[in-house]
Amino acid sequence: MSELYYYTDFETFKLIMDNGTLRFKESTKSNDKLDTNILYEELKEIFNERYGDDASKNAQIQFLIGFFENKGYQNNSFPVVACFTEKADSRLLWDAYTMNRKDRESKRYNGVCIQINIEQLANAMQKECNENDLFIIKNILYDKDSRKRFLEEKLDEFDKSVEELSKDSDQDQDIIPKQRFIYPSGRRGIEVKLRKCIVFPMMKFLNNLQIMSPLFKHEFWNEEMETRALFCKQESGLEKLSDGAHFYDVHIQNEVFEKVILGPEFSNDDMKVLQAQDNVIDISKIQFVHSMGTGVITSRN
């Protein structure tokens, strides 16, 4: 994996230094409408290709997807992410992630681009893993072929599990009560209790999909060259922001910082503000360098 960089505005950088934490947030609250949801959208196409001729199976699977998405089933883990890039000192990313953030806008290019020590970040995440937690650091995949291969692979596993479990004479399951299905053909619906040979494999499939879905994005975002650190924790272990987004703050030490690139308009006064804080991160041990955009680009007031 290449070197990773984390862009943020000055106010957030002050919080990182002051608290010694890096915030992981729910990815569906970003400015990407398909973030985390793109796999679900393309999954519907593949379902129709695979199971369109089996009305009963297709109806049950479609119900389970809706049941899962509407939180009818309590999943064991919930993914939150921190977003990085392989691009250092990028004009595009200075604009997108230090000047024009979703929650606020900065008046000057005085944010920072932090070069991250990947191994030390992984160590910090590992220290905060409980028994059922999981973390992944992985490059985002942007192409449709990669998304389709992933979904096809997981559906192959699903079909195999269905076949094996269908041999069991006991098909009772207590996850989902009886449901009424109306088939696509328009035939009158019937009330049935879903068999475990469908429910158990589909719950496993959907759990896996929820965990991995933030690691796939639409081709439009390819130029950002994003890598995500994804932390899966039980929802009870997460906190919520005012907009309802889940988050978790991972504690970090100086070793996570390789160096910090100061934004093109980062001033001496900004540095004095940082130094005046009671920081958990020792500023004196961090290598600060200036952006190549210093003296080149300025904000327009």
Protein backbone atom coordinates (compact mmCIF):
# COMPACT_ATOMS: atom_id res chain seq x y z
CA MET A 1 0.00 0.00 0.00
CA SER A 2 1.28 3.47 -0.93
CA GLU A 3 1.77 6.36 1.49
CA LEU A 4 -1.51 7.67 2.88
CA TYR A 5 -2.61 11.25 3.51
CA TYR A 6 -5.46 12.69 5.56
CA TYR A 7 -6.81 16.13 4.66
CA THR A 8 -8.73 18.19 7.19
CA ASP A 9 -9.50 21.81 8.04
CA PHE A 10 -7.77 23.79 10.78
CA GLU A 11 -10.56 23.44 13.36
CA THR A 12 -10.62 19.67 13.06
CA PHE A 13 -6.82 19.48 13.16
CA LYS A 14 -6.89 21.41 16.45
CA LEU A 15 -9.26 18.77 17.86
CA ILE A 16 -7.05 15.92 16.64
CA MET A 17 -4.01 17.43 18.33
CA ASP A 18 -5.88 18.47 21.49
CA ASN A 19 -7.67 15.16 22.07
CA GLY A 20 -5.25 12.73 20.46
CA THR A 21 -8.06 11.08 18.50
CA LEU A 22 -8.99 10.42 14.89
CA ARG A 23 -12.73 10.33 14.15
CA PHE A 24 -14.32 7.48 12.20
CA LYS A 25 -17.79 8.32 10.85
CA GLU A 26 -20.71 6.68 9.10
CA SER A 27 -19.97 6.97 5.37
CA THR A 28 -23.59 7.38 4.22
CA LYS A 29 -23.55 10.98 5.51
CA SER A 30 -20.97 12.11 2.93
CA ASN A 31 -21.67 14.16 -0.23
CA ASP A 32 -21.63 10.94 -2.29
CA LYS A 33 -25.28 9.86 -2.67
CA LEU A 34 -24.20 6.31 -3.54
CA ASP A 35 -21.60 5.96 -0.79
CA THR A 36 -22.13 2.56 0.87
CA ASN A 37 -25.37 2.10 -1.14
CA ILE A 38 -23.96 1.39 -4.58
CA LEU A 39 -23.60 -2.34 -3.91
CA TYR A 40 -27.24 -2.58 -2.84
CA GLU A 41 -28.37 -0.87 -6.06
CA GLU A 42 -26.35 -3.18 -8.29
CA LEU A 43 -27.32 -6.19 -6.21
CA LYS A 44 -30.94 -5.81 -7.31
CA GLU A 45 -29.90 -6.21 -10.95
CA ILE A 46 -27.98 -9.38 -10.20
CA PHE A 47 -30.85 -10.81 -8.14
CA ASN A 48 -33.20 -10.43 -11.08
CA GLU A 49 -30.69 -12.17 -13.35
CA ARG A 50 -30.17 -15.04 -10.92
CA TYR A 51 -33.55 -15.61 -9.34
CA GLY A 52 -36.05 -13.95 -11.65
CA ASP A 53 -37.50 -17.30 -12.73
CA ASP A 54 -37.98 -18.48 -9.14
CA ALA A 55 -40.78 -16.21 -7.90
CA SER A 56 -40.88 -17.65 -4.38
CA LYS A 57 -37.14 -17.44 -3.77
CA ASN A 58 -36.88 -14.00 -5.36
CA ALA A 59 -39.73 -12.62 -3.20
CA GLN A 60 -38.19 -13.96 0.00
CA ILE A 61 -34.76 -12.57 -0.83
CA GLN A 62 -36.15 -9.14 -1.74
CA PHE A 63 -38.03 -9.09 1.55
CA LEU A 64 -34.89 -9.96 3.51
CA ILE A 65 -32.98 -7.10 1.89
CA GLY A 66 -35.71 -4.64 2.90
CA PHE A 67 -35.92 -6.17 6.36
CA PHE A 68 -32.19 -5.72 6.80
CA GLU A 69 -32.03 -2.17 5.39
CA ASN A 70 -34.88 -1.04 7.66
CA LYS A 71 -33.06 -2.42 10.71
CA GLY A 72 -35.61 -5.13 11.36
CA TYR A 73 -32.63 -7.32 12.16
CA GLN A 74 -29.96 -6.24 14.66
CA ASN A 75 -26.61 -6.73 12.98
CA ASN A 76 -23.57 -7.69 15.07
CA SER A 77 -21.38 -4.89 13.70
CA PHE A 78 -21.70 -1.39 12.26
CA PRO A 79 -19.05 0.15 9.96
CA VAL A 80 -17.56 3.62 10.47
CA VAL A 81 -14.68 4.93 8.37
CA ALA A 82 -11.80 7.39 8.17
CA CYS A 83 -10.89 8.46 4.64
CA PHE A 84 -7.36 8.83 3.25
CA THR A 85 -5.77 9.34 -0.15
CA GLU A 86 -2.54 8.50 -1.95
CA LYS A 87 -2.32 12.09 -3.25
CA ALA A 88 -0.17 14.51 -1.27
CA ASP A 89 -0.56 18.28 -1.47
CA SER A 90 -3.36 18.12 -4.06
CA ARG A 91 -5.12 21.33 -5.10
CA LEU A 92 -8.31 19.33 -5.69
CA LEU A 93 -8.23 17.82 -2.21
CA TRP A 94 -7.29 21.06 -0.45
CA ASP A 95 -10.49 22.47 -1.91
CA ALA A 96 -12.71 19.45 -1.25
CA TYR A 97 -11.65 18.47 2.26
CA THR A 98 -10.23 21.55 3.93
CA MET A 99 -12.20 24.41 2.35
CA ASN A 100 -15.62 23.05 1.40
CA ARG A 101 -16.51 20.37 3.90
CA LYS A 102 -20.08 19.14 4.14
CA ASP A 103 -20.54 20.54 7.66
CA ARG A 104 -18.72 23.87 7.30
CA GLU A 105 -16.57 26.03 5.03
CA SER A 106 -13.18 27.58 5.78
CA LYS A 107 -12.22 31.11 4.82
CA ARG A 108 -8.55 30.32 4.14
CA TYR A 109 -6.40 27.44 2.93
CA ASN A 110 -5.09 26.86 6.44
CA GLY A 111 -6.02 23.20 6.76
CA VAL A 112 -3.47 20.40 6.81
CA CYS A 113 -2.56 17.22 4.95
CA ILE A 114 -1.27 14.59 7.39
CA GLN A 115 1.00 11.83 6.12
CA ILE A 116 -0.08 8.73 8.06
CA ASN A 117 2.04 5.84 9.29
CA ILE A 118 -0.23 2.97 8.21
CA GLU A 119 1.27 0.40 10.57
CA GLN A 120 0.87 2.69 13.58
CA LEU A 121 -2.72 3.51 12.59
CA ALA A 122 -3.48 -0.22 12.41
CA ASN A 123 -1.91 -0.68 15.85
CA ALA A 124 -4.09 2.10 17.29
CA MET A 125 -7.22 0.47 15.85
CA GLN A 126 -6.20 -2.96 17.11
CA LYS A 127 -5.87 -1.64 20.66
CA GLU A 128 -9.52 -0.56 20.62
CA CYS A 129 -10.92 -3.78 19.17
CA ASN A 130 -13.32 -5.68 21.39
CA GLU A 131 -14.15 -9.35 20.94
CA ASN A 132 -16.56 -8.91 18.01
CA ASP A 133 -14.90 -5.88 16.39
CA LEU A 134 -13.18 -5.85 13.00
CA PHE A 135 -10.99 -3.35 11.19
CA ILE A 136 -9.81 -3.13 7.58
CA ILE A 137 -7.50 -0.70 5.78
CA LYS A 138 -8.10 -1.04 2.04
CA ASN A 139 -7.96 0.89 -1.22
CA ILE A 140 -11.37 1.88 -2.60
CA LEU A 141 -12.47 -0.03 -5.71
CA TYR A 142 -14.19 2.21 -8.26
CA ASP A 143 -14.99 0.00 -11.26
CA LYS A 144 -18.27 -1.79 -11.85
CA ASP A 145 -16.52 -5.05 -12.74
CA SER A 146 -14.96 -5.21 -9.27
CA ARG A 147 -18.33 -4.62 -7.64
CA LYS A 148 -19.97 -7.29 -9.78
CA ARG A 149 -17.20 -9.83 -9.06
CA PHE A 150 -17.57 -9.25 -5.33
CA LEU A 151 -21.35 -9.65 -5.41
CA GLU A 152 -21.20 -12.74 -7.63
CA GLU A 153 -18.64 -14.36 -5.33
CA LYS A 154 -20.77 -13.73 -2.23
CA LEU A 155 -23.91 -14.95 -4.00
CA ASP A 156 -22.10 -18.14 -5.01
CA GLU A 157 -21.39 -18.67 -1.31
CA PHE A 158 -25.03 -17.91 -0.54
CA ASP A 159 -26.32 -20.45 -3.09
CA LYS A 160 -23.98 -23.11 -1.78
CA SER A 161 -25.14 -22.53 1.81
CA VAL A 162 -28.79 -22.63 0.73
CA GLU A 163 -28.23 -25.95 -1.00
CA GLU A 164 -26.51 -27.46 2.05
CA LEU A 165 -29.04 -26.19 4.60
CA SER A 166 -32.03 -27.25 2.49
CA LYS A 167 -31.07 -30.86 3.19
CA ASP A 168 -31.95 -30.34 6.86
CA SER A 169 -35.48 -31.53 7.63
CA ASP A 170 -35.83 -28.91 10.39
CA GLN A 171 -36.28 -25.55 8.64
CA ASP A 172 -37.51 -23.55 11.64
CA GLN A 173 -35.86 -20.23 12.44
CA ASP A 174 -36.74 -17.59 15.04
CA ILE A 175 -35.11 -14.54 13.44
CA ILE A 176 -38.07 -13.49 11.28
CA PRO A 177 -41.79 -14.19 11.89
CA LYS A 178 -44.29 -15.26 9.21
CA GLN A 179 -44.63 -12.83 6.33
CA ARG A 180 -47.12 -12.24 3.50
CA PHE A 181 -45.57 -12.18 0.03
CA ILE A 182 -47.08 -10.82 -3.18
CA TYR A 183 -45.25 -12.31 -6.12
CA PRO A 184 -44.05 -10.18 -9.07
CA SER A 185 -46.52 -11.94 -11.36
CA GLY A 186 -49.34 -10.23 -9.46
CA ARG A 187 -50.59 -13.50 -8.01
CA ARG A 188 -52.36 -13.20 -4.67
CA GLY A 189 -49.90 -13.21 -1.79
CA ILE A 190 -49.62 -16.01 0.72
CA GLU A 191 -48.42 -16.01 4.31
CA VAL A 192 -45.35 -18.16 4.82
CA LYS A 193 -42.66 -18.69 7.41
CA LEU A 194 -39.26 -18.24 5.84
CA ARG A 195 -37.09 -21.33 5.92
CA LYS A 196 -33.73 -21.23 7.65
CA CYS A 197 -32.02 -22.42 4.44
CA ILE A 198 -32.87 -18.96 3.04
CA VAL A 199 -32.73 -16.82 6.18
CA PHE A 200 -29.40 -17.94 7.67
CA PRO A 201 -27.34 -17.65 4.44
CA MET A 202 -29.01 -14.34 3.52
CA MET A 203 -28.33 -12.83 6.95
CA LYS A 204 -24.67 -13.83 6.60
CA PHE A 205 -24.59 -12.40 3.09
CA LEU A 206 -26.17 -9.09 4.14
CA ASN A 207 -23.94 -8.77 7.20
CA ASN A 208 -20.92 -9.18 4.95
CA LEU A 209 -22.35 -6.70 2.47
CA GLN A 210 -22.87 -4.08 5.18
CA ILE A 211 -19.28 -4.43 6.35
CA MET A 212 -17.69 -4.30 2.90
CA SER A 213 -19.98 -1.84 1.08
CA PRO A 214 -18.08 1.34 2.18
CA LEU A 215 -15.03 0.01 0.29
CA PHE A 216 -16.71 0.37 -3.14
CA LYS A 217 -17.50 3.70 -4.82
CA HIS A 218 -18.75 5.00 -8.15
CA GLU A 219 -16.25 5.66 -10.94
CA PHE A 220 -16.92 9.41 -10.69
CA TRP A 221 -14.74 9.60 -7.55
CA ASN A 222 -11.74 7.74 -9.01
CA GLU A 223 -9.46 10.78 -9.14
CA GLU A 224 -9.46 11.01 -5.33
CA MET A 225 -7.44 7.74 -5.11
CA GLU A 226 -9.06 6.99 -1.75
CA THR A 227 -8.12 4.44 0.87
CA ARG A 228 -10.41 3.80 3.82
CA ALA A 229 -9.73 2.60 7.32
CA LEU A 230 -12.94 0.83 8.26
CA PHE A 231 -13.84 -0.02 11.85
CA CYS A 232 -16.75 -2.39 12.53
CA LYS A 233 -18.07 -2.10 16.06
CA GLN A 234 -21.31 -2.98 17.78
CA GLU A 235 -23.75 -0.11 17.39
CA SER A 236 -24.04 0.18 21.18
CA GLY A 237 -20.34 1.09 21.27
CA LEU A 238 -20.75 4.05 18.93
CA GLU A 239 -21.80 7.64 19.55
CA LYS A 240 -24.02 9.86 17.40
CA LEU A 241 -23.61 13.32 15.94
CA SER A 242 -26.46 15.85 15.77
CA ASP A 243 -27.36 14.69 12.23
CA GLY A 244 -27.74 11.11 13.49
CA ALA A 245 -24.48 9.84 11.99
CA HIS A 246 -22.66 7.24 14.04
CA PHE A 247 -19.01 7.87 14.95
CA TYR A 248 -16.14 6.49 16.99
CA ASP A 249 -12.94 8.28 18.07
CA VAL A 250 -9.78 6.16 17.84
CA HIS A 251 -6.98 7.23 20.18
CA ILE A 252 -3.70 7.91 18.40
CA GLN A 253 -0.15 8.81 19.42
CA ASN A 254 2.66 10.80 17.79
CA GLU A 255 3.84 7.67 15.96
CA VAL A 256 0.81 7.86 13.65
CA PHE A 257 2.15 11.12 12.15
CA GLU A 258 4.89 10.81 9.53
CA LYS A 259 4.70 14.52 8.78
CA VAL A 260 2.15 17.31 8.38
CA ILE A 261 1.87 19.43 5.23
CA LEU A 262 0.58 22.87 6.16
CA GLY A 263 -2.04 24.39 3.90
CA PRO A 264 -1.06 27.14 1.42
CA GLU A 265 -2.38 29.88 3.75
CA PHE A 266 -1.40 28.34 7.08
CA SER A 267 0.07 31.22 9.11
CA ASN A 268 2.41 31.72 12.03
CA ASP A 269 -0.61 32.80 14.05
CA ASP A 270 -2.30 29.48 13.27
CA MET A 271 0.75 27.65 14.61
CA LYS A 272 0.70 29.76 17.77
CA VAL A 273 -2.94 28.80 18.34
CA LEU A 274 -1.99 25.12 18.05
CA GLN A 275 0.95 25.49 20.42
CA ALA A 276 -1.20 27.28 23.01
CA GLN A 277 -3.48 24.24 23.37
CA ASP A 278 -2.99 21.57 26.00
CA ASN A 279 -2.35 18.98 23.29
CA VAL A 280 -2.23 15.22 23.79
CA ILE A 281 -0.09 15.02 20.62
CA ASP A 282 3.38 16.52 21.15
CA ILE A 283 3.70 19.18 18.44
CA SER A 284 7.46 19.51 18.99
CA LYS A 285 7.93 15.95 17.71
CA ILE A 286 6.04 16.48 14.45
CA GLN A 287 7.72 17.40 11.18
CA PHE A 288 5.85 20.30 9.58
CA VAL A 289 6.43 21.22 5.92
CA HIS A 290 4.79 23.89 3.77
CA SER A 291 2.55 23.15 0.81
CA MET A 292 4.02 23.82 -2.62
CA GLY A 293 0.93 26.00 -3.07
CA THR A 294 2.15 28.44 -0.40
CA GLY A 295 2.33 31.87 -2.02
CA VAL A 296 0.64 30.49 -5.12
CA ILE A 297 -3.04 29.98 -4.30
CA THR A 298 -5.30 32.11 -2.12
CA SER A 299 -8.94 32.08 -1.13
CA ARG A 300 -11.21 34.64 -2.77
CA ASN A 301 -13.12 36.77 -0.27
